[in-house]
Amino acid sequence: MPFAAPPTHIPSMTHPQRSKRQPEKAPSPRNPVAHVQASFSGPVPHPALLKDYDLLVPGAANRILLMAEQDAKHQQTMELATLKAAEESSKRGQYFGLTIGLAALLASVTTLALGSPAVAGIIGGTTVVGLVSVFIIGRVVK
């Protein structure tokens, strides 16, 4: 079914003042056209919009501001919890690294005391190299 052409004149959508005016001219150097665009970014609407909300629903502006404050407080709480968890994880990793290093050192000294210097060197050397590389690579990746 082919589309019908849109009507060129819709009486209910025309303004009475427009029908009395002269037709608008196309933009030209003598007839410039200005385009204004504004944007607003933030946790609350632009103050003018906030005022309009309050006119539509009394107390809406206060509720919107309260909601933004509560959201900001929640965001700060979550960020603080994330930082604390990361700090605890880092400390736990350091404690485990210390424990592994001391255990390897003890094993290396014990093996050396039992008369196997080659095995003691392998245990001590690989543990130190492994721990150092994990800590260095772990910090570089972050």
C-alpha atoms as a PDB file:
ATOM      1  CA  MET A   1       0.000   0.000   0.000  1.00  0.00           C
ATOM      2  CA  PRO A   2       1.693   3.268  -1.070  1.00  0.00           C
ATOM      3  CA  PHE A   3       2.100   6.064   1.410  1.00  0.00           C
ATOM      4  CA  ALA A   4      -0.094   9.083   0.979  1.00  0.00           C
ATOM      5  CA  ALA A   5       1.591  12.469   0.783  1.00  0.00           C
ATOM      6  CA  PRO A   6       1.351  14.435   4.014  1.00  0.00           C
ATOM      7  CA  PRO A   7      -1.171  17.246   3.977  1.00  0.00           C
ATOM      8  CA  THR A   8       0.318  20.631   3.222  1.00  0.00           C
ATOM      9  CA  HIS A   9      -2.083  22.514   5.466  1.00  0.00           C
ATOM     10  CA  ILE A  10      -3.472  21.319   8.784  1.00  0.00           C
ATOM     11  CA  PRO A  11      -5.846  23.955  10.177  1.00  0.00           C
ATOM     12  CA  SER A  12      -5.806  22.654  13.760  1.00  0.00           C
ATOM     13  CA  MET A  13      -2.001  22.907  13.971  1.00  0.00           C
ATOM     14  CA  THR A  14      -1.541  26.397  12.518  1.00  0.00           C
ATOM     15  CA  HIS A  15      -1.347  29.414  14.727  1.00  0.00           C
ATOM     16  CA  PRO A  16      -3.625  32.367  13.916  1.00  0.00           C
ATOM     17  CA  GLN A  17      -0.709  34.787  14.344  1.00  0.00           C
ATOM     18  CA  ARG A  18       1.406  32.877  11.841  1.00  0.00           C
ATOM     19  CA  SER A  19      -1.171  33.080   9.110  1.00  0.00           C
ATOM     20  CA  LYS A  20      -1.065  36.894   9.290  1.00  0.00           C
ATOM     21  CA  ARG A  21       2.743  37.105   9.162  1.00  0.00           C
ATOM     22  CA  GLN A  22       4.897  37.131   6.095  1.00  0.00           C
ATOM     23  CA  PRO A  23       6.502  33.826   5.182  1.00  0.00           C
ATOM     24  CA  GLU A  24       9.942  33.405   6.724  1.00  0.00           C
ATOM     25  CA  LYS A  25      12.935  33.904   4.474  1.00  0.00           C
ATOM     26  CA  ALA A  26      15.648  31.322   4.049  1.00  0.00           C
ATOM     27  CA  PRO A  27      18.907  32.033   5.917  1.00  0.00           C
ATOM     28  CA  SER A  28      21.329  34.234   4.013  1.00  0.00           C
ATOM     29  CA  PRO A  29      24.187  36.578   4.904  1.00  0.00           C
ATOM     30  CA  ARG A  30      21.605  39.361   5.279  1.00  0.00           C
ATOM     31  CA  ASN A  31      19.175  37.185   7.227  1.00  0.00           C
ATOM     32  CA  PRO A  32      21.366  35.271   9.737  1.00  0.00           C
ATOM     33  CA  VAL A  33      20.044  32.475  11.868  1.00  0.00           C
ATOM     34  CA  ALA A  34      21.290  31.973  15.436  1.00  0.00           C
ATOM     35  CA  HIS A  35      21.270  28.598  17.116  1.00  0.00           C
ATOM     36  CA  VAL A  36      21.626  28.474  20.879  1.00  0.00           C
ATOM     37  CA  GLN A  37      22.212  25.223  22.703  1.00  0.00           C
ATOM     38  CA  ALA A  38      22.626  24.869  26.435  1.00  0.00           C
ATOM     39  CA  SER A  39      23.462  21.834  28.474  1.00  0.00           C
ATOM     40  CA  PHE A  40      23.671  21.162  32.168  1.00  0.00           C
ATOM     41  CA  SER A  41      25.257  18.222  33.872  1.00  0.00           C
ATOM     42  CA  GLY A  42      25.145  17.267  37.486  1.00  0.00           C
ATOM     43  CA  PRO A  43      23.355  15.239  40.124  1.00  0.00           C
ATOM     44  CA  VAL A  44      20.390  17.634  40.173  1.00  0.00           C
ATOM     45  CA  PRO A  45      18.474  19.339  37.374  1.00  0.00           C
ATOM     46  CA  HIS A  46      19.219  22.884  36.266  1.00  0.00           C
ATOM     47  CA  PRO A  47      17.900  25.406  38.810  1.00  0.00           C
ATOM     48  CA  ALA A  48      15.232  26.640  36.394  1.00  0.00           C
ATOM     49  CA  LEU A  49      13.998  23.072  35.868  1.00  0.00           C
ATOM     50  CA  LEU A  50      14.123  22.467  39.601  1.00  0.00           C
ATOM     51  CA  LYS A  51      11.891  25.500  40.094  1.00  0.00           C
ATOM     52  CA  ASP A  52       9.477  24.164  37.469  1.00  0.00           C
ATOM     53  CA  TYR A  53       9.358  20.783  39.214  1.00  0.00           C
ATOM     54  CA  ASP A  54       8.510  22.566  42.448  1.00  0.00           C
ATOM     55  CA  LEU A  55       5.713  24.486  40.721  1.00  0.00           C
ATOM     56  CA  LEU A  56       4.220  21.259  39.394  1.00  0.00           C
ATOM     57  CA  VAL A  57       4.579  19.259  42.602  1.00  0.00           C
ATOM     58  CA  PRO A  58       5.067  21.330  45.761  1.00  0.00           C
ATOM     59  CA  GLY A  59       8.123  20.095  47.657  1.00  0.00           C
ATOM     60  CA  ALA A  60       9.547  18.255  44.632  1.00  0.00           C
ATOM     61  CA  ALA A  61      12.686  20.410  44.528  1.00  0.00           C
ATOM     62  CA  ASN A  62      13.475  19.576  48.152  1.00  0.00           C
ATOM     63  CA  ARG A  63      12.852  15.873  47.520  1.00  0.00           C
ATOM     64  CA  ILE A  64      15.130  15.918  44.458  1.00  0.00           C
ATOM     65  CA  LEU A  65      17.918  17.644  46.419  1.00  0.00           C
ATOM     66  CA  LEU A  66      17.494  15.194  49.302  1.00  0.00           C
ATOM     67  CA  MET A  67      17.669  12.279  46.863  1.00  0.00           C
ATOM     68  CA  ALA A  68      20.886  13.683  45.336  1.00  0.00           C
ATOM     69  CA  GLU A  69      22.421  14.117  48.807  1.00  0.00           C
ATOM     70  CA  GLN A  70      21.514  10.562  49.796  1.00  0.00           C
ATOM     71  CA  ASP A  71      22.929   9.212  46.544  1.00  0.00           C
ATOM     72  CA  ALA A  72      26.187  11.110  47.071  1.00  0.00           C
ATOM     73  CA  LYS A  73      26.449   9.795  50.638  1.00  0.00           C
ATOM     74  CA  HIS A  74      25.821   6.228  49.422  1.00  0.00           C
ATOM     75  CA  GLN A  75      28.453   6.617  46.686  1.00  0.00           C
ATOM     76  CA  GLN A  76      31.013   7.860  49.215  1.00  0.00           C
ATOM     77  CA  THR A  77      30.216   4.967  51.565  1.00  0.00           C
ATOM     78  CA  MET A  78      30.674   2.443  48.760  1.00  0.00           C
ATOM     79  CA  GLU A  79      33.967   4.000  47.654  1.00  0.00           C
ATOM     80  CA  LEU A  80      35.269   3.961  51.233  1.00  0.00           C
ATOM     81  CA  ALA A  81      34.284   0.291  51.615  1.00  0.00           C
ATOM     82  CA  THR A  82      36.064  -0.522  48.336  1.00  0.00           C
ATOM     83  CA  LEU A  83      39.227   1.248  49.478  1.00  0.00           C
ATOM     84  CA  LYS A  84      39.183  -0.552  52.836  1.00  0.00           C
ATOM     85  CA  ALA A  85      38.713  -3.925  51.123  1.00  0.00           C
ATOM     86  CA  ALA A  86      41.623  -3.211  48.750  1.00  0.00           C
ATOM     87  CA  GLU A  87      43.817  -2.187  51.679  1.00  0.00           C
ATOM     88  CA  GLU A  88      42.970  -5.363  53.611  1.00  0.00           C
ATOM     89  CA  SER A  89      43.634  -7.485  50.538  1.00  0.00           C
ATOM     90  CA  SER A  90      47.017  -5.832  50.055  1.00  0.00           C
ATOM     91  CA  LYS A  91      47.952  -6.386  53.699  1.00  0.00           C
ATOM     92  CA  ARG A  92      46.837 -10.025  53.521  1.00  0.00           C
ATOM     93  CA  GLY A  93      49.010 -10.561  50.436  1.00  0.00           C
ATOM     94  CA  GLN A  94      52.000  -9.036  52.169  1.00  0.00           C
ATOM     95  CA  TYR A  95      51.491 -11.261  55.223  1.00  0.00           C
ATOM     96  CA  PHE A  96      51.232 -14.349  53.013  1.00  0.00           C
ATOM     97  CA  GLY A  97      54.371 -13.283  51.133  1.00  0.00           C
ATOM     98  CA  LEU A  98      56.228 -12.817  54.407  1.00  0.00           C
ATOM     99  CA  THR A  99      55.057 -16.228  55.636  1.00  0.00           C
ATOM    100  CA  ILE A 100      56.147 -17.948  52.414  1.00  0.00           C
ATOM    101  CA  GLY A 101      59.487 -16.146  52.457  1.00  0.00           C
ATOM    102  CA  LEU A 102      60.202 -17.083  56.068  1.00  0.00           C
ATOM    103  CA  ALA A 103      59.138 -20.690  55.476  1.00  0.00           C
ATOM    104  CA  ALA A 104      61.437 -20.908  52.441  1.00  0.00           C
ATOM    105  CA  LEU A 105      64.282 -19.358  54.397  1.00  0.00           C
ATOM    106  CA  LEU A 106      63.753 -21.851  57.235  1.00  0.00           C
ATOM    107  CA  ALA A 107      63.611 -24.746  54.735  1.00  0.00           C
ATOM    108  CA  SER A 108      66.737 -23.482  53.014  1.00  0.00           C
ATOM    109  CA  VAL A 109      68.680 -23.154  56.286  1.00  0.00           C
ATOM    110  CA  THR A 110      67.470 -26.581  57.447  1.00  0.00           C
ATOM    111  CA  THR A 111      68.505 -28.171  54.146  1.00  0.00           C
ATOM    112  CA  LEU A 112      71.878 -26.453  54.342  1.00  0.00           C
ATOM    113  CA  ALA A 113      72.361 -27.722  57.918  1.00  0.00           C
ATOM    114  CA  LEU A 114      71.559 -31.264  56.770  1.00  0.00           C
ATOM    115  CA  GLY A 115      74.376 -31.038  54.215  1.00  0.00           C
ATOM    116  CA  SER A 116      72.741 -30.188  50.887  1.00  0.00           C
ATOM    117  CA  PRO A 117      73.976 -26.722  49.874  1.00  0.00           C
ATOM    118  CA  ALA A 118      72.753 -27.071  46.262  1.00  0.00           C
ATOM    119  CA  VAL A 119      69.190 -27.871  47.341  1.00  0.00           C
ATOM    120  CA  ALA A 120      69.314 -25.079  49.935  1.00  0.00           C
ATOM    121  CA  GLY A 121      70.389 -22.604  47.223  1.00  0.00           C
ATOM    122  CA  ILE A 122      67.611 -23.744  44.898  1.00  0.00           C
ATOM    123  CA  ILE A 123      64.936 -23.458  47.592  1.00  0.00           C
ATOM    124  CA  GLY A 124      66.156 -20.064  48.792  1.00  0.00           C
ATOM    125  CA  GLY A 125      66.880 -18.652  45.331  1.00  0.00           C
ATOM    126  CA  THR A 126      63.671 -19.673  43.611  1.00  0.00           C
ATOM    127  CA  THR A 127      61.559 -18.467  46.514  1.00  0.00           C
ATOM    128  CA  VAL A 128      63.226 -15.065  46.602  1.00  0.00           C
ATOM    129  CA  VAL A 129      63.063 -14.664  42.809  1.00  0.00           C
ATOM    130  CA  GLY A 130      59.432 -15.782  42.792  1.00  0.00           C
ATOM    131  CA  LEU A 131      58.348 -13.461  45.569  1.00  0.00           C
ATOM    132  CA  VAL A 132      60.215 -10.461  44.176  1.00  0.00           C
ATOM    133  CA  SER A 133      58.798 -11.015  40.684  1.00  0.00           C
ATOM    134  CA  VAL A 134      55.247 -11.375  42.027  1.00  0.00           C
ATOM    135  CA  PHE A 135      55.513  -8.151  43.997  1.00  0.00           C
ATOM    136  CA  ILE A 136      57.122  -6.231  41.122  1.00  0.00           C
ATOM    137  CA  ILE A 137      54.787  -7.560  38.420  1.00  0.00           C
ATOM    138  CA  GLY A 138      51.795  -7.128  40.725  1.00  0.00           C
ATOM    139  CA  ARG A 139      52.619  -3.449  41.220  1.00  0.00           C
ATOM    140  CA  VAL A 140      53.301  -2.824  37.521  1.00  0.00           C
ATOM    141  CA  VAL A 141      49.992  -4.363  36.428  1.00  0.00           C
ATOM    142  CA  LYS A 142      47.971  -2.258  38.863  1.00  0.00           C
END
